[in-house]
Amino acid sequence: MEGRILIDRICPANSKPCHSVYLGAMSLGGNKKVFFRFLVYDDRYEGAETAVALRSPGGEQDSGGSFRCADMQKWPVDHVPITVSHVAAIVAATFLMPSLTLEETGKGKQILEIGLGGGNYDMRLHKMKPYVNITVVEIDPTMVKMAYKWFGVVDSETHHTIVQDGKEFLEQAYNQERKFDIVVIDACASYSSPLLCPADPFQDAIILRKVKKMLTKTGTLIVDLLSTDHTETGNYVWKKDNIVVTCTTMSLSDISDLAFHFDNRLATIISTLRLNYILDVAYTTMLHAK
């Protein structure tokens, strides 16, 4: 990242940390420079909570590529380039199983995401698959406000943002016998927790069993796993920032070589979505839920 400029800061009335939004620049895919907005929590000192690329409306940069803060505050968000590696991994994981394929429109499919952040995942998917019904649940109203204001999150007939405790939403959805084709858990705790992602409520075996029952026959659960304690996730965390775990209830017994099959499938997805530039520090692991 090439420097940063503070453009907004909100401190909630309760004891939660302040949210700061910055402008910055980084190189993606070789020498391509991308300007972006990113958000930082006061209690998280390592990296940004979320980041989105910006699209120049034209005439905003001089010949040397420099920019003025006032100009970039007006730039619209571009959800196509993904600037966060674990989000790219979640996008790729979305298409690993028949829950949702790259080829279909996905009309009628139901996706639930717990944890909005800046809307990186859901808005990228909404842009790709506008007929897929996406519901995002976020516990922090300040985060939702920031996402609307700075990160290009827009609700529509097929994209819904709900301010609610994610665990409570899952309990209600389970009691209502709702079904989802894909459930994404990307809700994290503070940096004081050894296992940062997922947050404690989503490590509960009872909740996870209920999520399993809410999945369709070809349904998939995708979980972002991030540890600040190397002993929590084994040696892998020394090499990777995030581990994205994909769980399915489908029978995979008819696939002779699972590793080969999913390696090829993942490579095709990454190539088709042009995620090669960002997927160098995140990977996807397949698990079969029994």
Foldseek 3Di string as FASTA:
>chain_A
DADKAWDDKAQDPDPFFIKTKIWDWDDFDPRRIWIKIFIDTPLDDPDTLAMFTFDQPPPQADPVRDGDPVRRLPTHTDLQDGDAQVLVQVLLLVQLFVLPHLPDLQAPAEEEEEACQLVNNVVNVCVSRVRAAYEYEYQDPVRVVCSVNRRNDDDDPRYYYHHDHPLVVLVVCLVVLAAHQEYEYDPFDGPVDQWGPPPPVVVDPVSVVSNQSRYDQRHKYKTKTAGPHCVPPDPLVVQARIEIEIEGQYDPVVPPDVVVSSVVSSVVSCVVSVVVRRNPRYHYDYDYDD
